[in-house]
C-alpha atoms as a PDB file:
ATOM      1  CA  MET A   1     -42.619  -8.179  10.732  1.00  0.00           C
ATOM      2  CA  MET A   2     -39.608  -7.597   8.458  1.00  0.00           C
ATOM      3  CA  THR A   3     -37.152  -4.762   9.790  1.00  0.00           C
ATOM      4  CA  THR A   4     -34.413  -3.107   7.532  1.00  0.00           C
ATOM      5  CA  GLN A   5     -31.085  -2.726   8.541  1.00  0.00           C
ATOM      6  CA  SER A   6     -29.760   0.494   8.793  1.00  0.00           C
ATOM      7  CA  ASN A   7     -26.134  -0.762   8.057  1.00  0.00           C
ATOM      8  CA  PRO A   8     -25.263  -2.797   5.203  1.00  0.00           C
ATOM      9  CA  ASN A   9     -23.806  -6.383   5.571  1.00  0.00           C
ATOM     10  CA  PRO A  10     -19.951  -5.886   5.553  1.00  0.00           C
ATOM     11  CA  LYS A  11     -19.717  -9.083   3.387  1.00  0.00           C
ATOM     12  CA  ASP A  12     -21.633  -7.306   0.649  1.00  0.00           C
ATOM     13  CA  GLU A  13     -19.033  -4.717   0.222  1.00  0.00           C
ATOM     14  CA  PRO A  14     -15.536  -6.170   1.685  1.00  0.00           C
ATOM     15  CA  VAL A  15     -12.656  -3.961   2.060  1.00  0.00           C
ATOM     16  CA  GLY A  16      -9.268  -5.464   1.736  1.00  0.00           C
ATOM     17  CA  ASN A  17      -6.180  -4.264   3.283  1.00  0.00           C
ATOM     18  CA  ALA A  18      -4.930  -2.965  -0.059  1.00  0.00           C
ATOM     19  CA  GLU A  19      -7.979  -0.508   0.126  1.00  0.00           C
ATOM     20  CA  LYS A  20      -6.837   0.883   3.509  1.00  0.00           C
ATOM     21  CA  ASP A  21      -4.604   4.102   4.063  1.00  0.00           C
ATOM     22  CA  PRO A  22      -1.133   2.706   5.067  1.00  0.00           C
ATOM     23  CA  GLU A  23      -1.369   5.234   7.985  1.00  0.00           C
ATOM     24  CA  ASN A  24      -4.236   3.231   9.209  1.00  0.00           C
ATOM     25  CA  TRP A  25      -2.450  -0.035   8.934  1.00  0.00           C
ATOM     26  CA  VAL A  26      -2.074  -2.025  12.417  1.00  0.00           C
ATOM     27  CA  THR A  27       1.493  -3.096  11.274  1.00  0.00           C
ATOM     28  CA  GLY A  28       2.403  -0.047   9.326  1.00  0.00           C
ATOM     29  CA  ASP A  29       5.079   0.877  11.902  1.00  0.00           C
ATOM     30  CA  GLU A  30       7.010  -2.419  11.778  1.00  0.00           C
ATOM     31  CA  GLU A  31      10.024  -2.644   9.390  1.00  0.00           C
ATOM     32  CA  MET A  32       9.102  -3.047   5.708  1.00  0.00           C
ATOM     33  CA  THR A  33       8.881  -6.642   4.396  1.00  0.00           C
ATOM     34  CA  GLY A  34      11.632  -8.001   2.182  1.00  0.00           C
ATOM     35  CA  ALA A  35       9.290  -7.891  -0.990  1.00  0.00           C
ATOM     36  CA  GLN A  36       8.649  -4.115  -0.296  1.00  0.00           C
ATOM     37  CA  ALA A  37      12.513  -3.626   0.055  1.00  0.00           C
ATOM     38  CA  SER A  38      13.187  -5.562  -3.258  1.00  0.00           C
ATOM     39  CA  TYR A  39      10.630  -3.711  -5.254  1.00  0.00           C
ATOM     40  CA  LEU A  40      11.358  -0.456  -3.961  1.00  0.00           C
ATOM     41  CA  LYS A  41      15.081  -0.796  -4.397  1.00  0.00           C
ATOM     42  CA  THR A  42      14.067  -1.698  -8.142  1.00  0.00           C
ATOM     43  CA  LEU A  43      11.876   1.059  -8.462  1.00  0.00           C
ATOM     44  CA  SER A  44      14.329   3.583  -6.846  1.00  0.00           C
ATOM     45  CA  GLU A  45      17.282   2.454  -9.473  1.00  0.00           C
ATOM     46  CA  GLU A  46      14.638   2.795 -12.450  1.00  0.00           C
ATOM     47  CA  ALA A  47      13.632   6.375 -11.058  1.00  0.00           C
ATOM     48  CA  GLY A  48      17.245   7.379 -10.389  1.00  0.00           C
ATOM     49  CA  GLU A  49      16.208   8.194  -6.682  1.00  0.00           C
ATOM     50  CA  PRO A  50      18.129   7.135  -3.465  1.00  0.00           C
ATOM     51  CA  PHE A  51      16.787   3.854  -1.859  1.00  0.00           C
ATOM     52  CA  ASP A  52      15.995   4.231   1.987  1.00  0.00           C
ATOM     53  CA  ASP A  53      16.136   0.784   3.656  1.00  0.00           C
ATOM     54  CA  GLY A  54      15.110   2.358   6.865  1.00  0.00           C
ATOM     55  CA  LEU A  55      11.360   2.864   6.085  1.00  0.00           C
ATOM     56  CA  THR A  56       8.145   1.195   7.855  1.00  0.00           C
ATOM     57  CA  LYS A  57       5.686  -1.107   5.818  1.00  0.00           C
ATOM     58  CA  ALA A  58       3.636   2.271   5.878  1.00  0.00           C
ATOM     59  CA  GLU A  59       6.221   4.542   4.486  1.00  0.00           C
ATOM     60  CA  ALA A  60       7.443   1.942   2.045  1.00  0.00           C
ATOM     61  CA  SER A  61       3.896   1.403   0.627  1.00  0.00           C
ATOM     62  CA  GLN A  62       3.741   5.049   0.056  1.00  0.00           C
ATOM     63  CA  ARG A  63       7.254   5.468  -1.363  1.00  0.00           C
ATOM     64  CA  ILE A  64       6.325   2.456  -3.779  1.00  0.00           C
ATOM     65  CA  ASP A  65       2.838   4.397  -4.960  1.00  0.00           C
ATOM     66  CA  GLU A  66       5.225   7.647  -5.579  1.00  0.00           C
ATOM     67  CA  LEU A  67       7.833   5.740  -7.433  1.00  0.00           C
ATOM     68  CA  GLN A  68       5.291   3.908  -9.445  1.00  0.00           C
ATOM     69  CA  SER A  69       3.827   6.946 -10.822  1.00  0.00           C
ATOM     70  CA  THR A  70       7.276   8.391 -11.629  1.00  0.00           C
ATOM     71  CA  THR A  71       8.529   5.188 -13.448  1.00  0.00           C
ATOM     72  CA  GLY A  72       4.968   4.229 -14.735  1.00  0.00           C
ATOM     73  CA  ARG A  73       5.426   0.765 -13.407  1.00  0.00           C
ATOM     74  CA  GLY A  74       2.331  -0.961 -11.745  1.00  0.00           C
ATOM     75  CA  GLN A  75       0.001   1.545 -13.831  1.00  0.00           C
ATOM     76  CA  ALA A  76      -2.925   0.206 -15.420  1.00  0.00           C
ATOM     77  CA  LYS A  77      -2.668   0.636 -19.290  1.00  0.00           C
END
């Protein structure tokens, strides 16, 4: 007898960390990474915005998204 699964196999539709809302990251409240700080500083300079070196990983990710929108960096063409 065959049964039908009510839940799809998670491997059929994998969700990576890049897909998760930064507010839901397990390590989101940790200090931002060096790579985030470097890129955020570059984006801040290009946008003429202040750079905040005290952001968490999640906050830095959200700020990067905002500044990419402002500067056009990281946007698909």
